Amino acid sequence: MNMTDVALLVIDMQQDFLSPASPLFVAGGPTMVPSLERALKAARFANESIIHVIRQHRVTGIDVDQSRRALFAETGGFLVAGTPGAEELPQLAPAPGDFTVVKTRWSAFFATDLEGLLRRLGAHRLILTGVQTPNCIRATANDALSLDYATVVLSDATASQTEEIQMSNLRDMTAMGVEVMTVSQFEQSLGMQGR
């Protein structure tokens, strides 16, 4: 088990968020996958803790957020545990030693064991990646700040529906005290530039 001060969270990098045929498709998601792969490589190089945060729902949809219940019913469901849509992209899938946290809401902290896991790992600094920035990234960042974690969002390893939405949310989070950096800056901070 990695006992490092830093944990990198890979949030919602699942087929139902990254497939154009899905009602939950995040338009900016597919193009940032290579940057997220680089961030994962850097975190593994530095022996940092990696936590995959995935959203899963029961087949009945009873645990779907109020705002998405109608869409779940209309579309026949999404992110249902055990279905292809709930699977992470293969190139981002957990490696041995990684952790997985399952959630049913935007924040990775809400009604999950993430906080306990981070305390056990000794993590005090969180690096947030994944989709989508105004929802799950921002909600997780809000809770992380409230729990006194130093919180970083990787601007090019997160994505939104549009670049305008992405930049607006990054500006808001910066004003709240979140540190925003690029994957290159993250690599550089780990002494990985050029590897």
C-alpha atoms as a PDB file:
ATOM      1  CA  MET A   1       0.000   0.000   0.000  1.00  0.00           C
ATOM      2  CA  ASN A   2       1.324   3.438  -0.980  1.00  0.00           C
ATOM      3  CA  MET A   3       1.700   5.782   1.970  1.00  0.00           C
ATOM      4  CA  THR A   4       2.252   9.107   0.268  1.00  0.00           C
ATOM      5  CA  ASP A   5       1.078  12.612   0.970  1.00  0.00           C
ATOM      6  CA  VAL A   6      -0.529  12.860  -2.485  1.00  0.00           C
ATOM      7  CA  ALA A   7      -3.477  11.007  -3.996  1.00  0.00           C
ATOM      8  CA  LEU A   8      -4.512  11.317  -7.628  1.00  0.00           C
ATOM      9  CA  LEU A   9      -8.253  10.846  -8.220  1.00  0.00           C
ATOM     10  CA  VAL A  10      -9.488   9.617 -11.612  1.00  0.00           C
ATOM     11  CA  ILE A  11     -13.142  10.622 -11.626  1.00  0.00           C
ATOM     12  CA  ASP A  12     -15.896   9.125 -13.820  1.00  0.00           C
ATOM     13  CA  MET A  13     -13.750   8.089 -16.778  1.00  0.00           C
ATOM     14  CA  GLN A  14     -16.427   5.601 -17.785  1.00  0.00           C
ATOM     15  CA  GLN A  15     -17.926   4.617 -21.119  1.00  0.00           C
ATOM     16  CA  ASP A  16     -21.291   6.277 -20.444  1.00  0.00           C
ATOM     17  CA  PHE A  17     -19.545   9.642 -20.003  1.00  0.00           C
ATOM     18  CA  LEU A  18     -17.171   9.204 -22.936  1.00  0.00           C
ATOM     19  CA  SER A  19     -19.282   7.538 -25.623  1.00  0.00           C
ATOM     20  CA  PRO A  20     -20.990   9.938 -28.072  1.00  0.00           C
ATOM     21  CA  ALA A  21     -24.024   7.625 -28.125  1.00  0.00           C
ATOM     22  CA  SER A  22     -24.629   8.066 -24.397  1.00  0.00           C
ATOM     23  CA  PRO A  23     -27.083  10.647 -22.990  1.00  0.00           C
ATOM     24  CA  LEU A  24     -24.356  11.575 -20.453  1.00  0.00           C
ATOM     25  CA  PHE A  25     -21.631  12.166 -23.063  1.00  0.00           C
ATOM     26  CA  VAL A  26     -19.116  14.878 -22.072  1.00  0.00           C
ATOM     27  CA  ALA A  27     -17.992  16.430 -25.352  1.00  0.00           C
ATOM     28  CA  GLY A  28     -14.558  17.462 -24.119  1.00  0.00           C
ATOM     29  CA  GLY A  29     -13.810  14.103 -22.536  1.00  0.00           C
ATOM     30  CA  PRO A  30     -12.302  11.963 -25.300  1.00  0.00           C
ATOM     31  CA  THR A  31      -9.699  14.523 -26.380  1.00  0.00           C
ATOM     32  CA  MET A  32      -8.205  14.857 -22.890  1.00  0.00           C
ATOM     33  CA  VAL A  33      -7.672  11.115 -22.358  1.00  0.00           C
ATOM     34  CA  PRO A  34      -4.003  11.175 -23.503  1.00  0.00           C
ATOM     35  CA  SER A  35      -3.268  13.953 -20.987  1.00  0.00           C
ATOM     36  CA  LEU A  36      -4.888  11.933 -18.229  1.00  0.00           C
ATOM     37  CA  GLU A  37      -2.816   8.903 -19.242  1.00  0.00           C
ATOM     38  CA  ARG A  38       0.297  11.067 -18.794  1.00  0.00           C
ATOM     39  CA  ALA A  39      -0.893  12.205 -15.360  1.00  0.00           C
ATOM     40  CA  LEU A  40      -1.425   8.583 -14.314  1.00  0.00           C
ATOM     41  CA  LYS A  41       2.033   7.638 -15.562  1.00  0.00           C
ATOM     42  CA  ALA A  42       3.549  10.515 -13.564  1.00  0.00           C
ATOM     43  CA  ALA A  43       1.665   9.559 -10.401  1.00  0.00           C
ATOM     44  CA  ARG A  44       2.781   5.934 -10.739  1.00  0.00           C
ATOM     45  CA  PHE A  45       6.375   7.045 -11.346  1.00  0.00           C
ATOM     46  CA  ALA A  46       6.235   9.012  -8.076  1.00  0.00           C
ATOM     47  CA  ASN A  47       4.579   6.085  -6.251  1.00  0.00           C
ATOM     48  CA  GLU A  48       1.576   8.246  -5.379  1.00  0.00           C
ATOM     49  CA  SER A  49      -1.752   6.764  -4.367  1.00  0.00           C
ATOM     50  CA  ILE A  50      -4.244   6.458  -7.233  1.00  0.00           C
ATOM     51  CA  ILE A  51      -7.957   6.290  -6.565  1.00  0.00           C
ATOM     52  CA  HIS A  52     -10.482   5.587  -9.319  1.00  0.00           C
ATOM     53  CA  VAL A  53     -13.834   7.150  -8.499  1.00  0.00           C
ATOM     54  CA  ILE A  54     -16.678   5.664 -10.494  1.00  0.00           C
ATOM     55  CA  ARG A  55     -20.400   6.280 -10.547  1.00  0.00           C
ATOM     56  CA  GLN A  56     -22.649   3.238 -10.469  1.00  0.00           C
ATOM     57  CA  HIS A  57     -26.384   2.830 -10.103  1.00  0.00           C
ATOM     58  CA  ARG A  58     -28.737  -0.034  -9.416  1.00  0.00           C
ATOM     59  CA  VAL A  59     -30.654  -1.336 -12.403  1.00  0.00           C
ATOM     60  CA  THR A  60     -33.924   0.044 -10.997  1.00  0.00           C
ATOM     61  CA  GLY A  61     -32.485   3.570 -10.806  1.00  0.00           C
ATOM     62  CA  ILE A  62     -33.631   3.967  -7.217  1.00  0.00           C
ATOM     63  CA  ASP A  63     -30.270   5.519  -6.297  1.00  0.00           C
ATOM     64  CA  VAL A  64     -30.111   7.996  -9.217  1.00  0.00           C
ATOM     65  CA  ASP A  65     -30.059  11.714  -8.348  1.00  0.00           C
ATOM     66  CA  GLN A  66     -33.397  13.481  -8.415  1.00  0.00           C
ATOM     67  CA  SER A  67     -32.286  15.647 -11.351  1.00  0.00           C
ATOM     68  CA  ARG A  68     -31.538  12.613 -13.543  1.00  0.00           C
ATOM     69  CA  ARG A  69     -34.317  10.175 -12.632  1.00  0.00           C
ATOM     70  CA  ALA A  70     -36.496  11.082 -15.611  1.00  0.00           C
ATOM     71  CA  LEU A  71     -33.530  10.754 -17.998  1.00  0.00           C
ATOM     72  CA  PHE A  72     -32.632   7.379 -16.480  1.00  0.00           C
ATOM     73  CA  ALA A  73     -36.185   6.139 -17.061  1.00  0.00           C
ATOM     74  CA  GLU A  74     -36.439   7.594 -20.589  1.00  0.00           C
ATOM     75  CA  THR A  75     -33.140   6.099 -21.752  1.00  0.00           C
ATOM     76  CA  GLY A  76     -33.422   2.704 -20.096  1.00  0.00           C
ATOM     77  CA  GLY A  77     -30.648   3.500 -17.644  1.00  0.00           C
ATOM     78  CA  PHE A  78     -26.980   4.440 -17.550  1.00  0.00           C
ATOM     79  CA  LEU A  79     -23.959   3.677 -15.390  1.00  0.00           C
ATOM     80  CA  VAL A  80     -25.672   0.515 -14.185  1.00  0.00           C
ATOM     81  CA  ALA A  81     -23.268  -1.705 -12.258  1.00  0.00           C
ATOM     82  CA  GLY A  82     -22.065  -4.610 -14.405  1.00  0.00           C
ATOM     83  CA  THR A  83     -22.945  -3.022 -17.760  1.00  0.00           C
ATOM     84  CA  PRO A  84     -20.405  -1.878 -20.400  1.00  0.00           C
ATOM     85  CA  GLY A  85     -21.419   1.748 -19.867  1.00  0.00           C
ATOM     86  CA  ALA A  86     -20.256   1.644 -16.252  1.00  0.00           C
ATOM     87  CA  GLU A  87     -16.786   0.370 -17.210  1.00  0.00           C
ATOM     88  CA  GLU A  88     -13.760   2.648 -17.162  1.00  0.00           C
ATOM     89  CA  LEU A  89     -11.831   3.190 -20.381  1.00  0.00           C
ATOM     90  CA  PRO A  90      -9.400   0.254 -20.714  1.00  0.00           C
ATOM     91  CA  GLN A  91      -6.329   2.495 -20.967  1.00  0.00           C
ATOM     92  CA  LEU A  92      -7.250   4.157 -17.655  1.00  0.00           C
ATOM     93  CA  ALA A  93      -8.347   1.047 -15.775  1.00  0.00           C
ATOM     94  CA  PRO A  94      -6.978   0.417 -12.280  1.00  0.00           C
ATOM     95  CA  ALA A  95      -3.540  -1.141 -11.995  1.00  0.00           C
ATOM     96  CA  PRO A  96      -2.500  -3.403  -9.109  1.00  0.00           C
ATOM     97  CA  GLY A  97      -2.249  -1.243  -6.012  1.00  0.00           C
ATOM     98  CA  ASP A  98      -4.831   1.314  -7.185  1.00  0.00           C
ATOM     99  CA  PHE A  99      -8.047   1.838  -5.244  1.00  0.00           C
ATOM    100  CA  THR A 100     -11.650   2.210  -6.409  1.00  0.00           C
ATOM    101  CA  VAL A 101     -14.408   4.232  -4.747  1.00  0.00           C
ATOM    102  CA  VAL A 102     -18.017   3.908  -5.925  1.00  0.00           C
ATOM    103  CA  LYS A 103     -20.367   6.890  -5.709  1.00  0.00           C
ATOM    104  CA  THR A 104     -23.942   7.722  -6.696  1.00  0.00           C
ATOM    105  CA  ARG A 105     -23.691  11.513  -6.576  1.00  0.00           C
ATOM    106  CA  TRP A 106     -21.416  14.245  -7.918  1.00  0.00           C
ATOM    107  CA  SER A 107     -18.934  14.510  -5.053  1.00  0.00           C
ATOM    108  CA  ALA A 108     -16.510  11.644  -4.549  1.00  0.00           C
ATOM    109  CA  PHE A 109     -16.875  12.267  -0.808  1.00  0.00           C
ATOM    110  CA  PHE A 110     -20.676  12.074  -0.548  1.00  0.00           C
ATOM    111  CA  ALA A 111     -21.808   8.805   1.096  1.00  0.00           C
ATOM    112  CA  THR A 112     -18.545   7.010   0.165  1.00  0.00           C
ATOM    113  CA  ASP A 113     -15.520   5.723   2.056  1.00  0.00           C
ATOM    114  CA  LEU A 114     -13.127   8.130   0.296  1.00  0.00           C
ATOM    115  CA  GLU A 115     -12.399  10.211   3.401  1.00  0.00           C
ATOM    116  CA  GLY A 116     -11.496   7.153   5.479  1.00  0.00           C
ATOM    117  CA  LEU A 117      -9.312   5.787   2.682  1.00  0.00           C
ATOM    118  CA  LEU A 118      -7.427   9.077   2.306  1.00  0.00           C
ATOM    119  CA  ARG A 119      -6.809   9.254   6.058  1.00  0.00           C
ATOM    120  CA  ARG A 120      -5.463   5.692   6.047  1.00  0.00           C
ATOM    121  CA  LEU A 121      -3.173   6.521   3.118  1.00  0.00           C
ATOM    122  CA  GLY A 122      -1.893   9.652   4.850  1.00  0.00           C
ATOM    123  CA  ALA A 123      -2.891  11.843   1.904  1.00  0.00           C
ATOM    124  CA  HIS A 124      -3.136  15.593   2.445  1.00  0.00           C
ATOM    125  CA  ARG A 125      -2.956  16.786  -1.172  1.00  0.00           C
ATOM    126  CA  LEU A 126      -5.471  15.699  -3.823  1.00  0.00           C
ATOM    127  CA  ILE A 127      -4.934  15.854  -7.583  1.00  0.00           C
ATOM    128  CA  LEU A 128      -8.292  15.802  -9.391  1.00  0.00           C
ATOM    129  CA  THR A 129      -8.711  14.512 -12.940  1.00  0.00           C
ATOM    130  CA  GLY A 130     -11.651  13.274 -15.017  1.00  0.00           C
ATOM    131  CA  VAL A 131     -15.121  14.470 -16.008  1.00  0.00           C
ATOM    132  CA  GLN A 132     -16.947  16.617 -15.832  1.00  0.00           C
ATOM    133  CA  THR A 133     -15.498  19.804 -14.409  1.00  0.00           C
ATOM    134  CA  PRO A 134     -18.657  21.747 -13.392  1.00  0.00           C
ATOM    135  CA  ASN A 135     -20.248  18.717 -11.758  1.00  0.00           C
ATOM    136  CA  CYS A 136     -18.154  15.920 -10.274  1.00  0.00           C
ATOM    137  CA  ILE A 137     -14.773  17.651 -10.324  1.00  0.00           C
ATOM    138  CA  ARG A 138     -16.098  20.843  -8.781  1.00  0.00           C
ATOM    139  CA  ALA A 139     -18.295  19.093  -6.190  1.00  0.00           C
ATOM    140  CA  THR A 140     -15.354  16.936  -5.125  1.00  0.00           C
ATOM    141  CA  ALA A 141     -13.081  19.995  -4.968  1.00  0.00           C
ATOM    142  CA  ASN A 142     -15.619  21.831  -2.799  1.00  0.00           C
ATOM    143  CA  ASP A 143     -15.755  18.969  -0.311  1.00  0.00           C
ATOM    144  CA  ALA A 144     -11.975  18.490  -0.386  1.00  0.00           C
ATOM    145  CA  LEU A 145     -11.448  22.151   0.509  1.00  0.00           C
ATOM    146  CA  SER A 146     -14.024  21.908   3.303  1.00  0.00           C
ATOM    147  CA  LEU A 147     -12.098  18.927   4.693  1.00  0.00           C
ATOM    148  CA  ASP A 148      -8.824  20.908   4.534  1.00  0.00           C
ATOM    149  CA  TYR A 149      -7.140  19.004   1.727  1.00  0.00           C
ATOM    150  CA  ALA A 150      -4.728  20.912  -0.497  1.00  0.00           C
ATOM    151  CA  THR A 151      -6.615  20.528  -3.768  1.00  0.00           C
ATOM    152  CA  VAL A 152      -5.255  20.611  -7.309  1.00  0.00           C
ATOM    153  CA  VAL A 153      -7.217  20.320 -10.553  1.00  0.00           C
ATOM    154  CA  LEU A 154      -5.306  19.374 -13.709  1.00  0.00           C
ATOM    155  CA  SER A 155      -6.766  21.685 -16.339  1.00  0.00           C
ATOM    156  CA  ASP A 156      -5.943  19.484 -19.343  1.00  0.00           C
ATOM    157  CA  ALA A 157      -6.793  16.200 -17.605  1.00  0.00           C
ATOM    158  CA  THR A 158     -10.335  17.345 -16.815  1.00  0.00           C
ATOM    159  CA  ALA A 159     -13.094  18.192 -19.277  1.00  0.00           C
ATOM    160  CA  SER A 160     -16.489  19.844 -19.727  1.00  0.00           C
ATOM    161  CA  GLN A 161     -19.095  20.091 -22.481  1.00  0.00           C
ATOM    162  CA  THR A 162     -17.412  23.214 -23.907  1.00  0.00           C
ATOM    163  CA  GLU A 163     -14.140  25.085 -23.471  1.00  0.00           C
ATOM    164  CA  GLU A 164     -16.080  28.091 -22.171  1.00  0.00           C
ATOM    165  CA  ILE A 165     -17.648  26.008 -19.383  1.00  0.00           C
ATOM    166  CA  GLN A 166     -14.257  24.481 -18.603  1.00  0.00           C
ATOM    167  CA  MET A 167     -12.459  27.825 -18.294  1.00  0.00           C
ATOM    168  CA  SER A 168     -15.264  29.433 -16.286  1.00  0.00           C
ATOM    169  CA  ASN A 169     -15.245  26.633 -13.726  1.00  0.00           C
ATOM    170  CA  LEU A 170     -11.456  26.592 -13.474  1.00  0.00           C
ATOM    171  CA  ARG A 171     -11.531  30.342 -12.780  1.00  0.00           C
ATOM    172  CA  ASP A 172     -14.186  29.886 -10.081  1.00  0.00           C
ATOM    173  CA  MET A 173     -12.268  27.084  -8.400  1.00  0.00           C
ATOM    174  CA  THR A 174      -9.036  29.099  -8.471  1.00  0.00           C
ATOM    175  CA  ALA A 175     -10.866  31.901  -6.679  1.00  0.00           C
ATOM    176  CA  MET A 176     -12.015  29.380  -4.051  1.00  0.00           C
ATOM    177  CA  GLY A 177      -8.450  28.255  -3.316  1.00  0.00           C
ATOM    178  CA  VAL A 178      -8.038  25.308  -5.662  1.00  0.00           C
ATOM    179  CA  GLU A 179      -4.657  25.170  -7.407  1.00  0.00           C
ATOM    180  CA  VAL A 180      -5.034  24.699 -11.165  1.00  0.00           C
ATOM    181  CA  MET A 181      -2.099  23.317 -13.129  1.00  0.00           C
ATOM    182  CA  THR A 182      -1.426  21.512 -16.387  1.00  0.00           C
ATOM    183  CA  VAL A 183      -0.229  17.936 -16.690  1.00  0.00           C
ATOM    184  CA  SER A 184       3.167  19.263 -17.793  1.00  0.00           C
ATOM    185  CA  GLN A 185       3.399  21.341 -14.622  1.00  0.00           C
ATOM    186  CA  PHE A 186       2.369  18.289 -12.599  1.00  0.00           C
ATOM    187  CA  GLU A 187       5.075  16.196 -14.290  1.00  0.00           C
ATOM    188  CA  GLN A 188       7.619  18.936 -13.651  1.00  0.00           C
ATOM    189  CA  SER A 189       6.657  19.083  -9.968  1.00  0.00           C
ATOM    190  CA  LEU A 190       7.488  15.370  -9.763  1.00  0.00           C
ATOM    191  CA  GLY A 191      10.798  15.701 -11.608  1.00  0.00           C
ATOM    192  CA  MET A 192       9.421  13.833 -14.619  1.00  0.00           C
ATOM    193  CA  GLN A 193       9.746  16.435 -17.375  1.00  0.00           C
ATOM    194  CA  GLY A 194      11.134  14.851 -20.532  1.00  0.00           C
ATOM    195  CA  ARG A 195      10.810  11.226 -19.354  1.00  0.00           C
END
